Amino acid sequence: MATLVRRVFKVVLFCGLFCLLLPYVHPYPVKWTESQSLAWLNAANRLGIRDPDDLFFGITVAMNLIATTLAYAAIMRLWRRYRTK
């Protein structure tokens, strides 16, 4: 039972960190300039994606997952170090 609680806690921690980092991790402000719009459109066209917002969404989610994973790993290392003392 304790193992199940630990696993559920870790999943909830990861999801909570992801939701916490959502407003802070993004590549550009919400309003794009014309040059940014053209760059996103060119990149989306090269990758075969019709809408540059879809590419933007995918990159933003990937960046959030990377930031969340790094924060989660740091928290787990600090927790293990704290428990051993």
PDB file of N, CA and C in Angstrom:
ATOM      1  N   MET A   1       0.820  -1.198   0.000  1.00  0.00           N
ATOM      2  CA  MET A   1       0.000   0.000   0.000  1.00  0.00           C
ATOM      3  C   MET A   1       0.864   1.262   0.000  1.00  0.00           C
ATOM      4  N   ALA A   2       1.959   1.222   0.750  1.00  0.00           N
ATOM      5  CA  ALA A   2       2.838   2.389   0.802  1.00  0.00           C
ATOM      6  C   ALA A   2       3.471   2.656  -0.560  1.00  0.00           C
ATOM      7  N   THR A   3       3.780   1.584  -1.292  1.00  0.00           N
ATOM      8  CA  THR A   3       4.356   1.754  -2.627  1.00  0.00           C
ATOM      9  C   THR A   3       3.363   2.439  -3.554  1.00  0.00           C
ATOM     10  N   LEU A   4       2.113   2.066  -3.472  1.00  0.00           N
ATOM     11  CA  LEU A   4       1.078   2.686  -4.295  1.00  0.00           C
ATOM     12  C   LEU A   4       0.940   4.172  -3.968  1.00  0.00           C
ATOM     13  N   VAL A   5       0.972   4.494  -2.693  1.00  0.00           N
ATOM     14  CA  VAL A   5       0.851   5.894  -2.281  1.00  0.00           C
ATOM     15  C   VAL A   5       2.043   6.704  -2.791  1.00  0.00           C
ATOM     16  N   ARG A   6       3.250   6.129  -2.722  1.00  0.00           N
ATOM     17  CA  ARG A   6       4.429   6.828  -3.231  1.00  0.00           C
ATOM     18  C   ARG A   6       4.331   7.075  -4.732  1.00  0.00           C
ATOM     19  N   ARG A   7       3.888   6.066  -5.465  1.00  0.00           N
ATOM     20  CA  ARG A   7       3.754   6.220  -6.916  1.00  0.00           C
ATOM     21  C   ARG A   7       2.700   7.260  -7.270  1.00  0.00           C
ATOM     22  N   VAL A   8       1.575   7.232  -6.589  1.00  0.00           N
ATOM     23  CA  VAL A   8       0.525   8.219  -6.842  1.00  0.00           C
ATOM     24  C   VAL A   8       1.029   9.615  -6.492  1.00  0.00           C
ATOM     25  N   PHE A   9       1.755   9.742  -5.397  1.00  0.00           N
ATOM     26  CA  PHE A   9       2.309  11.031  -5.012  1.00  0.00           C
ATOM     27  C   PHE A   9       3.271  11.565  -6.074  1.00  0.00           C
ATOM     28  N   LYS A  10       4.106  10.692  -6.629  1.00  0.00           N
ATOM     29  CA  LYS A  10       5.041  11.116  -7.655  1.00  0.00           C
ATOM     30  C   LYS A  10       4.315  11.581  -8.919  1.00  0.00           C
ATOM     31  N   VAL A  11       3.273  10.875  -9.302  1.00  0.00           N
ATOM     32  CA  VAL A  11       2.490  11.272 -10.479  1.00  0.00           C
ATOM     33  C   VAL A  11       1.809  12.615 -10.230  1.00  0.00           C
ATOM     34  N   VAL A  12       1.228  12.776  -9.048  1.00  0.00           N
ATOM     35  CA  VAL A  12       0.554  14.039  -8.709  1.00  0.00           C
ATOM     36  C   VAL A  12       1.572  15.176  -8.649  1.00  0.00           C
ATOM     37  N   LEU A  13       2.759  14.917  -8.111  1.00  0.00           N
ATOM     38  CA  LEU A  13       3.817  15.932  -8.068  1.00  0.00           C
ATOM     39  C   LEU A  13       4.208  16.358  -9.475  1.00  0.00           C
ATOM     40  N   PHE A  14       4.393  15.398 -10.370  1.00  0.00           N
ATOM     41  CA  PHE A  14       4.776  15.721 -11.742  1.00  0.00           C
ATOM     42  C   PHE A  14       3.681  16.533 -12.434  1.00  0.00           C
ATOM     43  N   CYS A  15       2.433  16.118 -12.295  1.00  0.00           N
ATOM     44  CA  CYS A  15       1.321  16.853 -12.914  1.00  0.00           C
ATOM     45  C   CYS A  15       1.182  18.250 -12.313  1.00  0.00           C
ATOM     46  N   GLY A  16       1.374  18.363 -11.017  1.00  0.00           N
ATOM     47  CA  GLY A  16       1.304  19.670 -10.367  1.00  0.00           C
ATOM     48  C   GLY A  16       2.409  20.599 -10.837  1.00  0.00           C
ATOM     49  N   LEU A  17       3.621  20.067 -10.978  1.00  0.00           N
ATOM     50  CA  LEU A  17       4.722  20.870 -11.492  1.00  0.00           C
ATOM     51  C   LEU A  17       4.459  21.309 -12.929  1.00  0.00           C
ATOM     52  N   PHE A  18       3.910  20.410 -13.727  1.00  0.00           N
ATOM     53  CA  PHE A  18       3.589  20.756 -15.115  1.00  0.00           C
ATOM     54  C   PHE A  18       2.584  21.897 -15.164  1.00  0.00           C
ATOM     55  N   CYS A  19       1.535  21.800 -14.367  1.00  0.00           N
ATOM     56  CA  CYS A  19       0.525  22.863 -14.346  1.00  0.00           C
ATOM     57  C   CYS A  19       1.096  24.164 -13.782  1.00  0.00           C
ATOM     58  N   LEU A  20       1.987  24.057 -12.828  1.00  0.00           N
ATOM     59  CA  LEU A  20       2.596  25.244 -12.237  1.00  0.00           C
ATOM     60  C   LEU A  20       3.506  25.962 -13.231  1.00  0.00           C
ATOM     61  N   LEU A  21       4.205  25.223 -14.069  1.00  0.00           N
ATOM     62  CA  LEU A  21       5.145  25.815 -15.015  1.00  0.00           C
ATOM     63  C   LEU A  21       4.490  26.281 -16.320  1.00  0.00           C
ATOM     64  N   LEU A  22       3.256  25.901 -16.582  1.00  0.00           N
ATOM     65  CA  LEU A  22       2.602  26.274 -17.836  1.00  0.00           C
ATOM     66  C   LEU A  22       2.632  27.768 -18.137  1.00  0.00           C
ATOM     67  N   PRO A  23       2.299  28.644 -17.207  1.00  0.00           N
ATOM     68  CA  PRO A  23       2.302  30.062 -17.572  1.00  0.00           C
ATOM     69  C   PRO A  23       3.696  30.678 -17.695  1.00  0.00           C
ATOM     70  N   TYR A  24       4.723  29.989 -17.223  1.00  0.00           N
ATOM     71  CA  TYR A  24       6.051  30.585 -17.183  1.00  0.00           C
ATOM     72  C   TYR A  24       6.992  30.122 -18.287  1.00  0.00           C
ATOM     73  N   VAL A  25       6.744  28.974 -18.880  1.00  0.00           N
ATOM     74  CA  VAL A  25       7.653  28.426 -19.886  1.00  0.00           C
ATOM     75  C   VAL A  25       6.981  28.514 -21.252  1.00  0.00           C
ATOM     76  N   HIS A  26       7.467  29.438 -22.084  1.00  0.00           N
ATOM     77  CA  HIS A  26       6.986  29.560 -23.458  1.00  0.00           C
ATOM     78  C   HIS A  26       8.031  30.289 -24.274  1.00  0.00           C
ATOM     79  N   PRO A  27       8.095  30.025 -25.579  1.00  0.00           N
ATOM     80  CA  PRO A  27       9.161  30.611 -26.382  1.00  0.00           C
ATOM     81  C   PRO A  27       8.980  32.092 -26.703  1.00  0.00           C
ATOM     82  N   TYR A  28       7.768  32.552 -26.866  1.00  0.00           N
ATOM     83  CA  TYR A  28       7.513  33.945 -27.232  1.00  0.00           C
ATOM     84  C   TYR A  28       6.318  34.464 -26.444  1.00  0.00           C
ATOM     85  N   PRO A  29       6.151  35.778 -26.433  1.00  0.00           N
ATOM     86  CA  PRO A  29       4.913  36.316 -25.849  1.00  0.00           C
ATOM     87  C   PRO A  29       3.706  35.890 -26.685  1.00  0.00           C
ATOM     88  N   VAL A  30       2.529  36.101 -26.158  1.00  0.00           N
ATOM     89  CA  VAL A  30       1.312  35.653 -26.827  1.00  0.00           C
ATOM     90  C   VAL A  30       1.130  36.372 -28.167  1.00  0.00           C
ATOM     91  N   LYS A  31       1.428  37.639 -28.240  1.00  0.00           N
ATOM     92  CA  LYS A  31       1.283  38.419 -29.478  1.00  0.00           C
ATOM     93  C   LYS A  31       2.576  38.321 -30.276  1.00  0.00           C
ATOM     94  N   TRP A  32       2.497  37.761 -31.492  1.00  0.00           N
ATOM     95  CA  TRP A  32       3.677  37.613 -32.344  1.00  0.00           C
ATOM     96  C   TRP A  32       3.889  38.856 -33.192  1.00  0.00           C
ATOM     97  N   THR A  33       5.162  39.171 -33.436  1.00  0.00           N
ATOM     98  CA  THR A  33       5.471  40.223 -34.406  1.00  0.00           C
ATOM     99  C   THR A  33       5.369  39.623 -35.805  1.00  0.00           C
ATOM    100  N   GLU A  34       5.467  40.464 -36.826  1.00  0.00           N
ATOM    101  CA  GLU A  34       5.357  39.968 -38.197  1.00  0.00           C
ATOM    102  C   GLU A  34       6.510  39.036 -38.549  1.00  0.00           C
ATOM    103  N   SER A  35       7.719  39.364 -38.102  1.00  0.00           N
ATOM    104  CA  SER A  35       8.872  38.506 -38.402  1.00  0.00           C
ATOM    105  C   SER A  35       8.759  37.154 -37.687  1.00  0.00           C
ATOM    106  N   GLN A  36       8.235  37.161 -36.470  1.00  0.00           N
ATOM    107  CA  GLN A  36       8.030  35.900 -35.749  1.00  0.00           C
ATOM    108  C   GLN A  36       6.966  35.062 -36.445  1.00  0.00           C
ATOM    109  N   SER A  37       5.917  35.698 -36.908  1.00  0.00           N
ATOM    110  CA  SER A  37       4.853  34.975 -37.619  1.00  0.00           C
ATOM    111  C   SER A  37       5.396  34.323 -38.882  1.00  0.00           C
ATOM    112  N   LEU A  38       6.211  35.060 -39.627  1.00  0.00           N
ATOM    113  CA  LEU A  38       6.788  34.495 -40.847  1.00  0.00           C
ATOM    114  C   LEU A  38       7.742  33.349 -40.547  1.00  0.00           C
ATOM    115  N   ALA A  39       8.516  33.483 -39.477  1.00  0.00           N
ATOM    116  CA  ALA A  39       9.440  32.405 -39.105  1.00  0.00           C
ATOM    117  C   ALA A  39       8.678  31.145 -38.716  1.00  0.00           C
ATOM    118  N   TRP A  40       7.612  31.296 -37.922  1.00  0.00           N
ATOM    119  CA  TRP A  40       6.805  30.134 -37.531  1.00  0.00           C
ATOM    120  C   TRP A  40       6.107  29.523 -38.742  1.00  0.00           C
ATOM    121  N   LEU A  41       5.635  30.366 -39.662  1.00  0.00           N
ATOM    122  CA  LEU A  41       4.964  29.869 -40.865  1.00  0.00           C
ATOM    123  C   LEU A  41       5.938  29.102 -41.746  1.00  0.00           C
ATOM    124  N   ASN A  42       7.144  29.616 -41.926  1.00  0.00           N
ATOM    125  CA  ASN A  42       8.158  28.915 -42.725  1.00  0.00           C
ATOM    126  C   ASN A  42       8.538  27.580 -42.091  1.00  0.00           C
ATOM    127  N   ALA A  43       8.727  27.585 -40.784  1.00  0.00           N
ATOM    128  CA  ALA A  43       9.084  26.333 -40.094  1.00  0.00           C
ATOM    129  C   ALA A  43       7.950  25.313 -40.196  1.00  0.00           C
ATOM    130  N   ALA A  44       6.718  25.765 -40.034  1.00  0.00           N
ATOM    131  CA  ALA A  44       5.579  24.852 -40.132  1.00  0.00           C
ATOM    132  C   ALA A  44       5.451  24.298 -41.547  1.00  0.00           C
ATOM    133  N   ASN A  45       5.654  25.141 -42.549  1.00  0.00           N
ATOM    134  CA  ASN A  45       5.565  24.671 -43.937  1.00  0.00           C
ATOM    135  C   ASN A  45       6.648  23.652 -44.242  1.00  0.00           C
ATOM    136  N   ARG A  46       7.845  23.870 -43.745  1.00  0.00           N
ATOM    137  CA  ARG A  46       8.935  22.914 -43.979  1.00  0.00           C
ATOM    138  C   ARG A  46       8.654  21.558 -43.333  1.00  0.00           C
ATOM    139  N   LEU A  47       7.968  21.582 -42.202  1.00  0.00           N
ATOM    140  CA  LEU A  47       7.648  20.331 -41.505  1.00  0.00           C
ATOM    141  C   LEU A  47       6.340  19.711 -41.986  1.00  0.00           C
ATOM    142  N   GLY A  48       5.632  20.388 -42.894  1.00  0.00           N
ATOM    143  CA  GLY A  48       4.381  19.852 -43.427  1.00  0.00           C
ATOM    144  C   GLY A  48       3.194  20.073 -42.511  1.00  0.00           C
ATOM    145  N   ILE A  49       3.253  21.092 -41.677  1.00  0.00           N
ATOM    146  CA  ILE A  49       2.156  21.410 -40.759  1.00  0.00           C
ATOM    147  C   ILE A  49       1.430  22.626 -41.316  1.00  0.00           C
ATOM    148  N   ARG A  50       0.113  22.531 -41.421  1.00  0.00           N
ATOM    149  CA  ARG A  50      -0.659  23.619 -42.036  1.00  0.00           C
ATOM    150  C   ARG A  50      -0.696  24.884 -41.190  1.00  0.00           C
ATOM    151  N   ASP A  51      -0.914  24.728 -39.909  1.00  0.00           N
ATOM    152  CA  ASP A  51      -1.105  25.879 -39.030  1.00  0.00           C
ATOM    153  C   ASP A  51       0.120  26.062 -38.140  1.00  0.00           C
ATOM    154  N   PRO A  52       0.752  27.227 -38.152  1.00  0.00           N
ATOM    155  CA  PRO A  52       1.921  27.429 -37.292  1.00  0.00           C
ATOM    156  C   PRO A  52       1.590  27.382 -35.802  1.00  0.00           C
ATOM    157  N   ASP A  53       0.334  27.613 -35.447  1.00  0.00           N
ATOM    158  CA  ASP A  53      -0.049  27.510 -34.037  1.00  0.00           C
ATOM    159  C   ASP A  53       0.074  26.073 -33.536  1.00  0.00           C
ATOM    160  N   ASP A  54      -0.161  25.101 -34.413  1.00  0.00           N
ATOM    161  CA  ASP A  54       0.014  23.705 -34.019  1.00  0.00           C
ATOM    162  C   ASP A  54       1.476  23.408 -33.701  1.00  0.00           C
ATOM    163  N   LEU A  55       2.373  23.939 -34.503  1.00  0.00           N
ATOM    164  CA  LEU A  55       3.799  23.773 -34.242  1.00  0.00           C
ATOM    165  C   LEU A  55       4.185  24.475 -32.940  1.00  0.00           C
ATOM    166  N   PHE A  56       3.676  25.679 -32.746  1.00  0.00           N
ATOM    167  CA  PHE A  56       3.943  26.441 -31.530  1.00  0.00           C
ATOM    168  C   PHE A  56       3.468  25.677 -30.300  1.00  0.00           C
ATOM    169  N   PHE A  57       2.268  25.089 -30.382  1.00  0.00           N
ATOM    170  CA  PHE A  57       1.715  24.322 -29.266  1.00  0.00           C
ATOM    171  C   PHE A  57       2.597  23.115 -28.947  1.00  0.00           C
ATOM    172  N   GLY A  58       3.017  22.393 -29.981  1.00  0.00           N
ATOM    173  CA  GLY A  58       3.860  21.218 -29.757  1.00  0.00           C
ATOM    174  C   GLY A  58       5.196  21.567 -29.122  1.00  0.00           C
ATOM    175  N   ILE A  59       5.799  22.633 -29.584  1.00  0.00           N
ATOM    176  CA  ILE A  59       7.083  23.056 -29.026  1.00  0.00           C
ATOM    177  C   ILE A  59       6.907  23.545 -27.589  1.00  0.00           C
ATOM    178  N   THR A  60       5.831  24.262 -27.334  1.00  0.00           N
ATOM    179  CA  THR A  60       5.576  24.748 -25.978  1.00  0.00           C
ATOM    180  C   THR A  60       5.359  23.585 -25.011  1.00  0.00           C
ATOM    181  N   VAL A  61       4.600  22.593 -25.422  1.00  0.00           N
ATOM    182  CA  VAL A  61       4.373  21.419 -24.560  1.00  0.00           C
ATOM    183  C   VAL A  61       5.684  20.673 -24.327  1.00  0.00           C
ATOM    184  N   ALA A  62       6.497  20.536 -25.368  1.00  0.00           N
ATOM    185  CA  ALA A  62       7.788  19.854 -25.210  1.00  0.00           C
ATOM    186  C   ALA A  62       8.692  20.621 -24.244  1.00  0.00           C
ATOM    187  N   MET A  63       8.713  21.935 -24.368  1.00  0.00           N
ATOM    188  CA  MET A  63       9.524  22.746 -23.446  1.00  0.00           C
ATOM    189  C   MET A  63       9.025  22.612 -22.013  1.00  0.00           C
ATOM    190  N   ASN A  64       7.714  22.590 -21.835  1.00  0.00           N
ATOM    191  CA  ASN A  64       7.157  22.425 -20.496  1.00  0.00           C
ATOM    192  C   ASN A  64       7.486  21.049 -19.926  1.00  0.00           C
ATOM    193  N   LEU A  65       7.433  20.006 -20.759  1.00  0.00           N
ATOM    194  CA  LEU A  65       7.782  18.670 -20.278  1.00  0.00           C
ATOM    195  C   LEU A  65       9.250  18.590 -19.866  1.00  0.00           C
ATOM    196  N   ILE A  66      10.128  19.227 -20.617  1.00  0.00           N
ATOM    197  CA  ILE A  66      11.546  19.221 -20.271  1.00  0.00           C
ATOM    198  C   ILE A  66      11.773  19.972 -18.957  1.00  0.00           C
ATOM    199  N   ALA A  67      11.164  21.149 -18.824  1.00  0.00           N
ATOM    200  CA  ALA A  67      11.323  21.930 -17.590  1.00  0.00           C
ATOM    201  C   ALA A  67      10.740  21.180 -16.396  1.00  0.00           C
ATOM    202  N   THR A  68       9.595  20.538 -16.587  1.00  0.00           N
ATOM    203  CA  THR A  68       8.970  19.776 -15.503  1.00  0.00           C
ATOM    204  C   THR A  68       9.836  18.592 -15.107  1.00  0.00           C
ATOM    205  N   THR A  69      10.396  17.903 -16.081  1.00  0.00           N
ATOM    206  CA  THR A  69      11.255  16.755 -15.789  1.00  0.00           C
ATOM    207  C   THR A  69      12.493  17.180 -15.017  1.00  0.00           C
ATOM    208  N   LEU A  70      13.087  18.300 -15.410  1.00  0.00           N
ATOM    209  CA  LEU A  70      14.269  18.781 -14.685  1.00  0.00           C
ATOM    210  C   LEU A  70      13.920  19.186 -13.251  1.00  0.00           C
ATOM    211  N   ALA A  71      12.796  19.880 -13.077  1.00  0.00           N
ATOM    212  CA  ALA A  71      12.372  20.275 -11.725  1.00  0.00           C
ATOM    213  C   ALA A  71      12.046  19.040 -10.881  1.00  0.00           C
ATOM    214  N   TYR A  72      11.376  18.068 -11.479  1.00  0.00           N
ATOM    215  CA  TYR A  72      11.018  16.831 -10.765  1.00  0.00           C
ATOM    216  C   TYR A  72      12.284  16.077 -10.342  1.00  0.00           C
ATOM    217  N   ALA A  73      13.249  15.969 -11.249  1.00  0.00           N
ATOM    218  CA  ALA A  73      14.489  15.265 -10.916  1.00  0.00           C
ATOM    219  C   ALA A  73      15.235  15.982  -9.793  1.00  0.00           C
ATOM    220  N   ALA A  74      15.256  17.301  -9.824  1.00  0.00           N
ATOM    221  CA  ALA A  74      15.927  18.051  -8.764  1.00  0.00           C
ATOM    222  C   ALA A  74      15.234  17.836  -7.421  1.00  0.00           C
ATOM    223  N   ILE A  75      13.913  17.855  -7.417  1.00  0.00           N
ATOM    224  CA  ILE A  75      13.164  17.638  -6.175  1.00  0.00           C
ATOM    225  C   ILE A  75      13.417  16.235  -5.634  1.00  0.00           C
ATOM    226  N   MET A  76      13.435  15.230  -6.510  1.00  0.00           N
ATOM    227  CA  MET A  76      13.671  13.860  -6.057  1.00  0.00           C
ATOM    228  C   MET A  76      15.080  13.696  -5.489  1.00  0.00           C
ATOM    229  N   ARG A  77      16.089  14.322  -6.132  1.00  0.00           N
ATOM    230  CA  ARG A  77      17.450  14.244  -5.594  1.00  0.00           C
ATOM    231  C   ARG A  77      17.552  14.922  -4.240  1.00  0.00           C
ATOM    232  N   LEU A  78      16.943  16.094  -4.114  1.00  0.00           N
ATOM    233  CA  LEU A  78      16.966  16.787  -2.823  1.00  0.00           C
ATOM    234  C   LEU A  78      16.250  15.978  -1.752  1.00  0.00           C
ATOM    235  N   TRP A  79      15.157  15.332  -2.110  1.00  0.00           N
ATOM    236  CA  TRP A  79      14.423  14.522  -1.143  1.00  0.00           C
ATOM    237  C   TRP A  79      15.250  13.319  -0.697  1.00  0.00           C
ATOM    238  N   ARG A  80      15.923  12.656  -1.651  1.00  0.00           N
ATOM    239  CA  ARG A  80      16.769  11.518  -1.277  1.00  0.00           C
ATOM    240  C   ARG A  80      17.912  11.961  -0.372  1.00  0.00           C
ATOM    241  N   ARG A  81      18.529  13.111  -0.675  1.00  0.00           N
ATOM    242  CA  ARG A  81      19.614  13.631   0.159  1.00  0.00           C
ATOM    243  C   ARG A  81      19.090  13.975   1.555  1.00  0.00           C
ATOM    244  N   TYR A  82      17.907  14.534   1.643  1.00  0.00           N
ATOM    245  CA  TYR A  82      17.311  14.881   2.926  1.00  0.00           C
ATOM    246  C   TYR A  82      17.009  13.632   3.751  1.00  0.00           C
ATOM    247  N   ARG A  83      16.512  12.574   3.090  1.00  0.00           N
ATOM    248  CA  ARG A  83      16.167  11.338   3.809  1.00  0.00           C
ATOM    249  C   ARG A  83      17.375  10.613   4.325  1.00  0.00           C
ATOM    250  N   THR A  84      18.519  10.724   3.630  1.00  0.00           N
ATOM    251  CA  THR A  84      19.700  10.008   4.084  1.00  0.00           C
ATOM    252  C   THR A  84      20.379  10.676   5.279  1.00  0.00           C
ATOM    253  N   LYS A  85      20.079  11.948   5.515  1.00  0.00           N
ATOM    254  CA  LYS A  85      20.687  12.642   6.657  1.00  0.00           C
ATOM    255  C   LYS A  85      19.967  12.387   7.945  1.00  0.00           C
TER     256      LYS A  85
END
